[in-house]
Structures are given as structure tokens and as C-alpha cells.
Amino acid sequence: MIVNINGADLTIETYGPEDAPVLIAHHGGGGIGSLAEPRQTFGPLSDAFRVIVYDARGCGTSQGVPPYSHEQWAADLDGVREWAGAEQIVVAGGSYGGIIAMEYALAYPDRVQAMILRDTLADWSNMDAARENARTQTRVEVNWENFDRYWSGNIRDDADLKACWAELIPLYDVHYDPAAAAASVEAGYYRHEAHNWCFQHNAVGYDLKPALPSLTCPTLVTVGRADWVTPVASSETIASLLPNAELVVFENSGHSPQVEEAELFQQTMRAFLAKAVPGQLAR
């Protein structure tokens, strides 16, 4: 369905009982993300939660109305919460979606009952390690001009974003399947304006570390052991700063343990939610 949130028409999907506790999941990827990823990850929880996923403004099939700032995306998430009629939510996000989940929890702490994070970061200090990981891998030859344009937000158009992403995607999983990677690239959405905004504007001065100790909500922090771009150290930093965090490292995953170790990831989320939202679920 299409819902106008803060002046932008957003594509929203809901799953599960309308009277169940609400879980809102923000997709990753900035301008390459869409609701398809959180639908796959969190949709199975709709047996006990009202799971809401959506394309952020400027992403997927939602309307492109700038700004594409963390503040705006967090405000939109709260607009989705208000539209859903929920006083409190479980907020979730992976990769760039984890950034928005944390920004939301900091801006609207009274609205967050619990938080689930996956392969994300509290500042941009990961990029030195990411560049070294890309340099030392032997899977593909990196086009460094395109690599730098991607991570600095200097993408020319949507086709250019797709082409640059196709070059990077082989780095993300433990076991590289070229056919699966190519299919994933073709199935994606590419919105270069939102992507460029992330790295030209949002990355400047991004550092949540001083603020994270103020968040007391139960938080599950997950990461793949072989994640090249948001390595384990990034999640360890987040977990060390949050007073009520649980860190789980998935030993046979890269950036996407929700896919690479899907069954274990689901079990881990359910075990966490059984404690964080007592009496609701936990199969």
C-alpha cells in the first residue's frame, strides 16, 4: 500500500495480527535498499508480531522527496509507527538500516521497547578496514575508481549505481555464487540520489558512540564473522556501549547472516524477543 508519511508517498507492507506488538524494520543499502530484505528477514516473526516493512523515501518504489538525512528517515520511521497506532515498537535494521534504527532509538527513546541490529556501525571508522579487506581478497579484481566513487557518493545516475554495486556484491558473502549475485543485482532497485546523499552528507560527522550509552532498551547486536565492510569490531563497539546489549557473531556468514545462516538467525531473534517482549513469542 502507499501511505503519505511526512510529505512523501511510501510503499508499506504489513504482516501479522493487527493487535500484536509492532516490529518495524528499516532496510539497508541507502539508495540500493528496499523492503524486500527486511520482509524476508522479519516476515517469519509475523506469527507473533505485526511486522511492518517499507521502502524509505528515495528508495525502492517510494517517492523521492529530499532530504535523505538520518533525521528525516528516523522521523519517517516514527511516522510509520504513528500510522500503525503503536505506542511502542521493536525497531530493527541491518547495515544502513541499523544506523537508522539506532538514530531512531536515540531520537525517540520512549517509543522503543527493544532493538535488533545486524552488521552495522556507530561511526565510519570501518572504512579503513573495509578497504584493506577489499584489497587483500582474491575473489574479484576491484575497480578502485568505481570503489571510491561508490563510497564517496559520487554516482552519476541509477545505471551507474547498479553497475558499481554489481562490482561490489561478490565481496559480501562467505561463499560467492556468481549466478545468485547476478540475480540479486537484477532484482534490486537503484536510486542514486539517496545513495549519494548518504555519503556526501550523512557520513560527514556521523558518530553515535557518545550517545549510545543513553539507550537502555534491550538490544540484539548481530554480525557475520567474515563481514568485510562492517566487520565484527564495529558490532563489538556498539555492544560495548549499549548498557543492555547482547552480541551474537555468526561464524559462517559475511554481511548477511540472516540469509547465510537463516535458521540460526531466526532462532537467535526469537530467543532474544522472548526475553525482550515477555510472554509474546518464542518459538
C-alpha atoms as a PDB file:
ATOM      1  CA  MET A   1       0.000   0.000   0.000  1.00  0.00           C
ATOM      2  CA  ILE A   2       1.020   3.629  -0.455  1.00  0.00           C
ATOM      3  CA  VAL A   3       0.904   5.866   2.622  1.00  0.00           C
ATOM      4  CA  ASN A   4       1.892   9.516   2.783  1.00  0.00           C
ATOM      5  CA  ILE A   5       4.341   9.973   5.641  1.00  0.00           C
ATOM      6  CA  ASN A   6       5.752  13.439   6.295  1.00  0.00           C
ATOM      7  CA  GLY A   7       5.029  14.557   2.747  1.00  0.00           C
ATOM      8  CA  ALA A   8       6.407  11.531   0.905  1.00  0.00           C
ATOM      9  CA  ASP A   9       4.425   8.602  -0.507  1.00  0.00           C
ATOM     10  CA  LEU A  10       5.988   5.459   0.973  1.00  0.00           C
ATOM     11  CA  THR A  11       5.391   1.853  -0.066  1.00  0.00           C
ATOM     12  CA  ILE A  12       4.470  -0.076   3.096  1.00  0.00           C
ATOM     13  CA  GLU A  13       3.711  -3.749   3.719  1.00  0.00           C
ATOM     14  CA  THR A  14       2.333  -5.228   6.937  1.00  0.00           C
ATOM     15  CA  TYR A  15       2.211  -8.841   8.115  1.00  0.00           C
ATOM     16  CA  GLY A  16       0.708 -10.498  11.157  1.00  0.00           C
ATOM     17  CA  PRO A  17      -2.170  -9.775  13.550  1.00  0.00           C
ATOM     18  CA  GLU A  18      -3.221  -6.152  13.838  1.00  0.00           C
ATOM     19  CA  ASP A  19      -3.478  -6.437  17.621  1.00  0.00           C
ATOM     20  CA  ALA A  20       0.019  -7.898  18.069  1.00  0.00           C
ATOM     21  CA  PRO A  21       3.074  -5.927  19.225  1.00  0.00           C
ATOM     22  CA  VAL A  22       4.577  -3.969  16.337  1.00  0.00           C
ATOM     23  CA  LEU A  23       8.021  -4.568  14.845  1.00  0.00           C
ATOM     24  CA  ILE A  24       9.174  -2.034  12.266  1.00  0.00           C
ATOM     25  CA  ALA A  25      12.234  -2.955  10.219  1.00  0.00           C
ATOM     26  CA  HIS A  26      14.227  -0.468   8.149  1.00  0.00           C
ATOM     27  CA  HIS A  27      16.015  -1.822   5.106  1.00  0.00           C
ATOM     28  CA  GLY A  28      19.727  -1.328   4.497  1.00  0.00           C
ATOM     29  CA  GLY A  29      21.536  -0.040   1.488  1.00  0.00           C
ATOM     30  CA  GLY A  30      20.631   3.634   1.359  1.00  0.00           C
ATOM     31  CA  GLY A  31      19.754   4.072  -2.294  1.00  0.00           C
ATOM     32  CA  ILE A  32      20.164   0.373  -3.151  1.00  0.00           C
ATOM     33  CA  GLY A  33      17.865  -0.964  -0.435  1.00  0.00           C
ATOM     34  CA  SER A  34      14.215  -1.929  -0.417  1.00  0.00           C
ATOM     35  CA  LEU A  35      11.652  -3.599   1.814  1.00  0.00           C
ATOM     36  CA  ALA A  36      12.371  -6.997   0.207  1.00  0.00           C
ATOM     37  CA  GLU A  37      15.307  -7.611   2.548  1.00  0.00           C
ATOM     38  CA  PRO A  38      13.542  -6.934   5.877  1.00  0.00           C
ATOM     39  CA  ARG A  39      10.420  -8.719   4.616  1.00  0.00           C
ATOM     40  CA  GLN A  40      12.466 -11.891   4.183  1.00  0.00           C
ATOM     41  CA  THR A  41      14.269 -11.462   7.499  1.00  0.00           C
ATOM     42  CA  PHE A  42      11.464 -10.364   9.795  1.00  0.00           C
ATOM     43  CA  GLY A  43       8.393 -11.668   7.983  1.00  0.00           C
ATOM     44  CA  PRO A  44       8.633 -15.048   9.749  1.00  0.00           C
ATOM     45  CA  LEU A  45       8.044 -13.236  13.050  1.00  0.00           C
ATOM     46  CA  SER A  46       4.537 -12.305  11.898  1.00  0.00           C
ATOM     47  CA  ASP A  47       3.158 -15.320  13.755  1.00  0.00           C
ATOM     48  CA  ALA A  48       3.504 -13.234  16.901  1.00  0.00           C
ATOM     49  CA  PHE A  49       4.226  -9.636  15.807  1.00  0.00           C
ATOM     50  CA  ARG A  50       2.691  -7.128  13.463  1.00  0.00           C
ATOM     51  CA  VAL A  51       5.695  -6.802  11.175  1.00  0.00           C
ATOM     52  CA  ILE A  52       5.906  -3.604   9.143  1.00  0.00           C
ATOM     53  CA  VAL A  53       8.429  -3.071   6.367  1.00  0.00           C
ATOM     54  CA  TYR A  54       8.625  -0.200   3.909  1.00  0.00           C
ATOM     55  CA  ASP A  55      10.733   1.494   1.276  1.00  0.00           C
ATOM     56  CA  ALA A  56      12.320   4.585   2.787  1.00  0.00           C
ATOM     57  CA  ARG A  57      11.841   7.880   0.979  1.00  0.00           C
ATOM     58  CA  GLY A  58      14.040   7.938  -2.100  1.00  0.00           C
ATOM     59  CA  CYS A  59      14.456   4.143  -2.021  1.00  0.00           C
ATOM     60  CA  GLY A  60      12.740   1.184  -3.663  1.00  0.00           C
ATOM     61  CA  THR A  61       9.399   2.320  -5.064  1.00  0.00           C
ATOM     62  CA  SER A  62       8.790   5.135  -2.578  1.00  0.00           C
ATOM     63  CA  GLN A  63       8.645   8.760  -3.623  1.00  0.00           C
ATOM     64  CA  GLY A  64      11.902  10.681  -3.846  1.00  0.00           C
ATOM     65  CA  VAL A  65      11.430  13.735  -1.672  1.00  0.00           C
ATOM     66  CA  PRO A  66      14.657  15.031  -0.119  1.00  0.00           C
ATOM     67  CA  PRO A  67      16.213  15.325   2.353  1.00  0.00           C
ATOM     68  CA  TYR A  68      17.500  11.760   2.725  1.00  0.00           C
ATOM     69  CA  SER A  69      19.077  12.534   6.067  1.00  0.00           C
ATOM     70  CA  HIS A  70      19.224  10.319   9.139  1.00  0.00           C
ATOM     71  CA  GLU A  71      16.959  12.795  10.916  1.00  0.00           C
ATOM     72  CA  GLN A  72      14.346  12.622   8.151  1.00  0.00           C
ATOM     73  CA  TRP A  73      14.477   8.844   7.801  1.00  0.00           C
ATOM     74  CA  ALA A  74      14.110   8.486  11.591  1.00  0.00           C
ATOM     75  CA  ALA A  75      11.170  10.910  11.555  1.00  0.00           C
ATOM     76  CA  ASP A  76       9.590   8.865   8.764  1.00  0.00           C
ATOM     77  CA  LEU A  77      10.015   5.706  10.820  1.00  0.00           C
ATOM     78  CA  ASP A  78       8.167   7.415  13.653  1.00  0.00           C
ATOM     79  CA  GLY A  79       5.507   8.458  11.180  1.00  0.00           C
ATOM     80  CA  VAL A  80       5.054   4.813  10.221  1.00  0.00           C
ATOM     81  CA  ARG A  81       4.784   3.935  13.916  1.00  0.00           C
ATOM     82  CA  GLU A  82       2.121   6.604  14.410  1.00  0.00           C
ATOM     83  CA  TRP A  83       0.248   5.415  11.297  1.00  0.00           C
ATOM     84  CA  ALA A  84       0.298   1.883  12.756  1.00  0.00           C
ATOM     85  CA  GLY A  85      -1.184   3.156  16.031  1.00  0.00           C
ATOM     86  CA  ALA A  86       1.597   1.709  18.195  1.00  0.00           C
ATOM     87  CA  GLU A  87       2.767   3.408  21.365  1.00  0.00           C
ATOM     88  CA  GLN A  88       5.989   1.380  21.411  1.00  0.00           C
ATOM     89  CA  ILE A  89       7.741  -0.786  18.854  1.00  0.00           C
ATOM     90  CA  VAL A  90      10.568  -3.199  18.339  1.00  0.00           C
ATOM     91  CA  VAL A  91      12.804  -1.370  15.884  1.00  0.00           C
ATOM     92  CA  ALA A  92      15.113  -3.353  13.641  1.00  0.00           C
ATOM     93  CA  GLY A  93      17.588  -2.745  10.863  1.00  0.00           C
ATOM     94  CA  GLY A  94      20.553  -4.250   9.087  1.00  0.00           C
ATOM     95  CA  SER A  95      23.570  -2.481   7.623  1.00  0.00           C
ATOM     96  CA  TYR A  96      22.472   1.102   6.815  1.00  0.00           C
ATOM     97  CA  GLY A  97      19.101   0.205   8.297  1.00  0.00           C
ATOM     98  CA  GLY A  98      20.869  -0.459  11.585  1.00  0.00           C
ATOM     99  CA  ILE A  99      22.159   3.102  11.518  1.00  0.00           C
ATOM    100  CA  ILE A 100      18.607   4.393  11.120  1.00  0.00           C
ATOM    101  CA  ALA A 101      17.351   2.065  13.866  1.00  0.00           C
ATOM    102  CA  MET A 102      19.919   3.494  16.286  1.00  0.00           C
ATOM    103  CA  GLU A 103      19.218   7.071  15.169  1.00  0.00           C
ATOM    104  CA  TYR A 104      15.526   6.396  15.753  1.00  0.00           C
ATOM    105  CA  ALA A 105      16.088   4.943  19.218  1.00  0.00           C
ATOM    106  CA  LEU A 106      18.181   7.958  20.187  1.00  0.00           C
ATOM    107  CA  ALA A 107      15.651  10.460  18.846  1.00  0.00           C
ATOM    108  CA  TYR A 108      12.542   8.638  20.161  1.00  0.00           C
ATOM    109  CA  PRO A 109      13.743   6.542  23.118  1.00  0.00           C
ATOM    110  CA  ASP A 110      10.315   6.310  24.754  1.00  0.00           C
ATOM    111  CA  ARG A 111       8.926   4.648  21.624  1.00  0.00           C
ATOM    112  CA  VAL A 112      11.399   1.750  21.584  1.00  0.00           C
ATOM    113  CA  GLN A 113      10.709  -1.427  23.514  1.00  0.00           C
ATOM    114  CA  ALA A 114      13.622  -3.354  22.021  1.00  0.00           C
ATOM    115  CA  MET A 115      16.053  -3.141  19.111  1.00  0.00           C
ATOM    116  CA  ILE A 116      17.586  -5.645  16.689  1.00  0.00           C
ATOM    117  CA  LEU A 117      20.722  -4.653  14.768  1.00  0.00           C
ATOM    118  CA  ARG A 118      22.578  -6.574  12.074  1.00  0.00           C
ATOM    119  CA  ASP A 119      26.017  -5.861  10.575  1.00  0.00           C
ATOM    120  CA  THR A 120      26.004  -2.128  11.205  1.00  0.00           C
ATOM    121  CA  LEU A 121      28.225   0.606  12.600  1.00  0.00           C
ATOM    122  CA  ALA A 122      28.248   3.507  15.029  1.00  0.00           C
ATOM    123  CA  ASP A 123      30.727   5.635  13.049  1.00  0.00           C
ATOM    124  CA  TRP A 124      32.663   5.456   9.769  1.00  0.00           C
ATOM    125  CA  SER A 125      35.899   4.091  11.229  1.00  0.00           C
ATOM    126  CA  ASN A 126      35.156   0.786   9.466  1.00  0.00           C
ATOM    127  CA  MET A 127      36.188   2.112   6.068  1.00  0.00           C
ATOM    128  CA  ASP A 128      39.932   1.667   6.520  1.00  0.00           C
ATOM    129  CA  ALA A 129      39.397  -1.994   7.392  1.00  0.00           C
ATOM    130  CA  ALA A 130      36.882  -2.385   4.569  1.00  0.00           C
ATOM    131  CA  ARG A 131      39.321  -1.010   2.024  1.00  0.00           C
ATOM    132  CA  GLU A 132      42.065  -3.322   3.269  1.00  0.00           C
ATOM    133  CA  ASN A 133      39.676  -6.296   3.161  1.00  0.00           C
ATOM    134  CA  ALA A 134      38.768  -5.416  -0.417  1.00  0.00           C
ATOM    135  CA  ARG A 135      42.460  -5.042  -1.324  1.00  0.00           C
ATOM    136  CA  THR A 136      43.528  -8.402   0.109  1.00  0.00           C
ATOM    137  CA  GLN A 137      40.650 -10.563  -1.147  1.00  0.00           C
ATOM    138  CA  THR A 138      41.295 -12.723  -4.186  1.00  0.00           C
ATOM    139  CA  ARG A 139      37.718 -13.271  -5.362  1.00  0.00           C
ATOM    140  CA  VAL A 140      37.482 -10.417  -7.871  1.00  0.00           C
ATOM    141  CA  GLU A 141      39.628  -7.591  -9.169  1.00  0.00           C
ATOM    142  CA  VAL A 142      38.484  -4.297  -7.688  1.00  0.00           C
ATOM    143  CA  ASN A 143      37.987  -1.254  -9.885  1.00  0.00           C
ATOM    144  CA  TRP A 144      39.299   1.293  -7.412  1.00  0.00           C
ATOM    145  CA  GLU A 145      37.936   4.317  -9.242  1.00  0.00           C
ATOM    146  CA  ASN A 146      34.418   2.896  -9.029  1.00  0.00           C
ATOM    147  CA  PHE A 147      35.020   1.710  -5.459  1.00  0.00           C
ATOM    148  CA  ASP A 148      35.957   5.223  -4.379  1.00  0.00           C
ATOM    149  CA  ARG A 149      33.077   6.840  -6.274  1.00  0.00           C
ATOM    150  CA  TYR A 150      30.623   4.447  -4.640  1.00  0.00           C
ATOM    151  CA  TRP A 151      31.807   5.059  -1.077  1.00  0.00           C
ATOM    152  CA  SER A 152      32.158   8.813  -1.522  1.00  0.00           C
ATOM    153  CA  GLY A 153      28.708   9.254  -3.037  1.00  0.00           C
ATOM    154  CA  ASN A 154      29.811  10.329  -6.493  1.00  0.00           C
ATOM    155  CA  ILE A 155      27.492   8.124  -8.526  1.00  0.00           C
ATOM    156  CA  ARG A 156      26.336   9.604 -11.837  1.00  0.00           C
ATOM    157  CA  ASP A 157      22.904   8.018 -12.276  1.00  0.00           C
ATOM    158  CA  ASP A 158      20.850   4.936 -11.389  1.00  0.00           C
ATOM    159  CA  ALA A 159      22.522   2.783 -14.048  1.00  0.00           C
ATOM    160  CA  ASP A 160      25.938   3.758 -12.723  1.00  0.00           C
ATOM    161  CA  LEU A 161      24.865   2.803  -9.189  1.00  0.00           C
ATOM    162  CA  LYS A 162      23.716  -0.599 -10.415  1.00  0.00           C
ATOM    163  CA  ALA A 163      26.986  -1.181 -12.260  1.00  0.00           C
ATOM    164  CA  CYS A 164      29.104  -0.198  -9.253  1.00  0.00           C
ATOM    165  CA  TRP A 165      27.019  -2.395  -6.953  1.00  0.00           C
ATOM    166  CA  ALA A 166      27.447  -5.340  -9.323  1.00  0.00           C
ATOM    167  CA  GLU A 167      31.217  -4.963  -8.908  1.00  0.00           C
ATOM    168  CA  LEU A 168      30.997  -4.906  -5.106  1.00  0.00           C
ATOM    169  CA  ILE A 169      28.446  -7.629  -4.413  1.00  0.00           C
ATOM    170  CA  PRO A 170      30.952 -10.518  -4.773  1.00  0.00           C
ATOM    171  CA  LEU A 171      32.645  -9.325  -1.563  1.00  0.00           C
ATOM    172  CA  TYR A 172      29.621  -9.722   0.682  1.00  0.00           C
ATOM    173  CA  ASP A 173      29.006 -13.446   1.255  1.00  0.00           C
ATOM    174  CA  VAL A 174      31.238 -16.160   2.633  1.00  0.00           C
ATOM    175  CA  HIS A 175      30.509 -18.374  -0.374  1.00  0.00           C
ATOM    176  CA  TYR A 176      30.317 -16.435  -3.621  1.00  0.00           C
ATOM    177  CA  ASP A 177      27.677 -17.683  -6.051  1.00  0.00           C
ATOM    178  CA  PRO A 178      28.015 -15.634  -9.264  1.00  0.00           C
ATOM    179  CA  ALA A 179      24.577 -16.629 -10.558  1.00  0.00           C
ATOM    180  CA  ALA A 180      22.865 -15.746  -7.273  1.00  0.00           C
ATOM    181  CA  ALA A 181      24.761 -12.460  -7.071  1.00  0.00           C
ATOM    182  CA  ALA A 182      23.772 -11.534 -10.631  1.00  0.00           C
ATOM    183  CA  ALA A 183      20.136 -12.368  -9.896  1.00  0.00           C
ATOM    184  CA  SER A 184      20.262 -10.216  -6.751  1.00  0.00           C
ATOM    185  CA  VAL A 185      21.645  -7.289  -8.722  1.00  0.00           C
ATOM    186  CA  GLU A 186      18.881  -7.594 -11.325  1.00  0.00           C
ATOM    187  CA  ALA A 187      16.175  -7.808  -8.643  1.00  0.00           C
ATOM    188  CA  GLY A 188      17.321  -4.635  -6.884  1.00  0.00           C
ATOM    189  CA  TYR A 189      16.260  -1.001  -7.000  1.00  0.00           C
ATOM    190  CA  TYR A 190      18.788   1.749  -7.660  1.00  0.00           C
ATOM    191  CA  ARG A 191      18.212   5.339  -6.535  1.00  0.00           C
ATOM    192  CA  HIS A 192      21.461   7.246  -6.880  1.00  0.00           C
ATOM    193  CA  GLU A 193      20.197  10.495  -5.317  1.00  0.00           C
ATOM    194  CA  ALA A 194      19.566   8.799  -1.960  1.00  0.00           C
ATOM    195  CA  HIS A 195      22.812   6.863  -2.212  1.00  0.00           C
ATOM    196  CA  ASN A 196      24.875   9.978  -2.869  1.00  0.00           C
ATOM    197  CA  TRP A 197      23.161  11.820  -0.017  1.00  0.00           C
ATOM    198  CA  CYS A 198      24.218   9.057   2.393  1.00  0.00           C
ATOM    199  CA  PHE A 199      27.900   9.506   1.691  1.00  0.00           C
ATOM    200  CA  GLN A 200      28.121  13.180   0.759  1.00  0.00           C
ATOM    201  CA  HIS A 201      26.035  14.414   3.695  1.00  0.00           C
ATOM    202  CA  ASN A 202      25.073  11.742   6.245  1.00  0.00           C
ATOM    203  CA  ALA A 203      28.556  10.297   6.632  1.00  0.00           C
ATOM    204  CA  VAL A 204      30.043  13.674   7.490  1.00  0.00           C
ATOM    205  CA  GLY A 205      30.474  13.758  11.252  1.00  0.00           C
ATOM    206  CA  TYR A 206      28.491  10.562  11.798  1.00  0.00           C
ATOM    207  CA  ASP A 207      29.422   9.210  15.235  1.00  0.00           C
ATOM    208  CA  LEU A 208      26.839   7.766  17.616  1.00  0.00           C
ATOM    209  CA  LYS A 209      29.354   6.405  20.134  1.00  0.00           C
ATOM    210  CA  PRO A 210      28.989   9.218  22.704  1.00  0.00           C
ATOM    211  CA  ALA A 211      25.185   8.861  22.694  1.00  0.00           C
ATOM    212  CA  LEU A 212      24.771   5.081  22.704  1.00  0.00           C
ATOM    213  CA  PRO A 213      25.214   4.585  26.482  1.00  0.00           C
ATOM    214  CA  SER A 214      21.962   6.509  26.982  1.00  0.00           C
ATOM    215  CA  LEU A 215      19.969   3.752  25.247  1.00  0.00           C
ATOM    216  CA  THR A 216      18.686   1.276  27.821  1.00  0.00           C
ATOM    217  CA  CYS A 217      16.348  -0.789  25.628  1.00  0.00           C
ATOM    218  CA  PRO A 218      17.254  -4.484  25.236  1.00  0.00           C
ATOM    219  CA  THR A 219      19.269  -4.782  22.032  1.00  0.00           C
ATOM    220  CA  LEU A 220      20.383  -7.732  19.950  1.00  0.00           C
ATOM    221  CA  VAL A 221      23.565  -6.951  18.012  1.00  0.00           C
ATOM    222  CA  THR A 222      24.396  -9.477  15.282  1.00  0.00           C
ATOM    223  CA  VAL A 223      27.234  -9.699  12.782  1.00  0.00           C
ATOM    224  CA  GLY A 224      28.837 -12.187  10.411  1.00  0.00           C
ATOM    225  CA  ARG A 225      32.377 -13.239  11.276  1.00  0.00           C
ATOM    226  CA  ALA A 226      33.566 -12.649   7.698  1.00  0.00           C
ATOM    227  CA  ASP A 227      31.773  -9.333   7.129  1.00  0.00           C
ATOM    228  CA  TRP A 228      34.207  -7.322   5.002  1.00  0.00           C
ATOM    229  CA  VAL A 229      32.532  -3.899   5.197  1.00  0.00           C
ATOM    230  CA  THR A 230      31.104  -3.665   8.744  1.00  0.00           C
ATOM    231  CA  PRO A 231      33.484  -6.052  10.493  1.00  0.00           C
ATOM    232  CA  VAL A 232      32.980  -7.702  13.850  1.00  0.00           C
ATOM    233  CA  ALA A 233      34.871  -4.859  15.557  1.00  0.00           C
ATOM    234  CA  SER A 234      32.113  -2.424  14.541  1.00  0.00           C
ATOM    235  CA  SER A 235      29.440  -4.529  16.260  1.00  0.00           C
ATOM    236  CA  GLU A 236      31.683  -5.101  19.275  1.00  0.00           C
ATOM    237  CA  THR A 237      31.915  -1.338  19.677  1.00  0.00           C
ATOM    238  CA  ILE A 238      28.137  -0.958  19.566  1.00  0.00           C
ATOM    239  CA  ALA A 239      27.543  -3.800  22.018  1.00  0.00           C
ATOM    240  CA  SER A 240      30.159  -2.467  24.426  1.00  0.00           C
ATOM    241  CA  LEU A 241      28.480   0.937  24.578  1.00  0.00           C
ATOM    242  CA  LEU A 242      24.847  -0.147  24.904  1.00  0.00           C
ATOM    243  CA  PRO A 243      24.010  -0.959  28.561  1.00  0.00           C
ATOM    244  CA  ASN A 244      21.598  -3.788  27.735  1.00  0.00           C
ATOM    245  CA  ALA A 245      23.061  -5.366  24.606  1.00  0.00           C
ATOM    246  CA  GLU A 246      23.646  -8.962  23.570  1.00  0.00           C
ATOM    247  CA  LEU A 247      26.232  -9.605  20.846  1.00  0.00           C
ATOM    248  CA  VAL A 248      25.954 -12.672  18.617  1.00  0.00           C
ATOM    249  CA  VAL A 249      28.600 -13.434  15.983  1.00  0.00           C
ATOM    250  CA  PHE A 250      27.599 -15.780  13.179  1.00  0.00           C
ATOM    251  CA  GLU A 251      30.687 -17.802  12.385  1.00  0.00           C
ATOM    252  CA  ASN A 252      29.784 -18.895   8.844  1.00  0.00           C
ATOM    253  CA  SER A 253      28.499 -15.609   7.456  1.00  0.00           C
ATOM    254  CA  GLY A 254      29.640 -12.446   5.798  1.00  0.00           C
ATOM    255  CA  HIS A 255      27.474  -9.331   5.707  1.00  0.00           C
ATOM    256  CA  SER A 256      24.183 -11.248   5.612  1.00  0.00           C
ATOM    257  CA  PRO A 257      23.863 -13.865   8.370  1.00  0.00           C
ATOM    258  CA  GLN A 258      20.081 -13.526   8.075  1.00  0.00           C
ATOM    259  CA  VAL A 259      20.493 -15.265   4.694  1.00  0.00           C
ATOM    260  CA  GLU A 260      23.698 -17.265   5.080  1.00  0.00           C
ATOM    261  CA  GLU A 261      22.667 -18.811   8.416  1.00  0.00           C
ATOM    262  CA  ALA A 262      18.960 -18.166   8.153  1.00  0.00           C
ATOM    263  CA  GLU A 263      17.665 -20.826  10.552  1.00  0.00           C
ATOM    264  CA  LEU A 264      20.123 -19.917  13.290  1.00  0.00           C
ATOM    265  CA  PHE A 265      19.407 -16.224  12.762  1.00  0.00           C
ATOM    266  CA  GLN A 266      15.671 -16.801  13.214  1.00  0.00           C
ATOM    267  CA  GLN A 267      16.284 -18.866  16.360  1.00  0.00           C
ATOM    268  CA  THR A 268      18.536 -16.134  17.735  1.00  0.00           C
ATOM    269  CA  MET A 269      15.954 -13.410  17.149  1.00  0.00           C
ATOM    270  CA  ARG A 270      13.182 -15.457  18.733  1.00  0.00           C
ATOM    271  CA  ALA A 271      15.258 -16.242  21.803  1.00  0.00           C
ATOM    272  CA  PHE A 272      16.054 -12.548  22.206  1.00  0.00           C
ATOM    273  CA  LEU A 273      12.458 -11.414  21.696  1.00  0.00           C
ATOM    274  CA  ALA A 274      11.220 -13.987  24.207  1.00  0.00           C
ATOM    275  CA  LYS A 275      13.184 -12.061  26.831  1.00  0.00           C
ATOM    276  CA  ALA A 276      12.733  -8.542  25.457  1.00  0.00           C
ATOM    277  CA  VAL A 277       8.970  -8.797  24.876  1.00  0.00           C
ATOM    278  CA  PRO A 278       7.929 -11.190  27.660  1.00  0.00           C
ATOM    279  CA  GLY A 279       5.042 -13.536  27.081  1.00  0.00           C
ATOM    280  CA  GLN A 280       4.753 -12.737  23.388  1.00  0.00           C
ATOM    281  CA  LEU A 281       6.527 -15.413  21.493  1.00  0.00           C
ATOM    282  CA  ALA A 282       9.439 -17.570  21.433  1.00  0.00           C
ATOM    283  CA  ARG A 283       9.365 -20.479  19.260  1.00  0.00           C
END
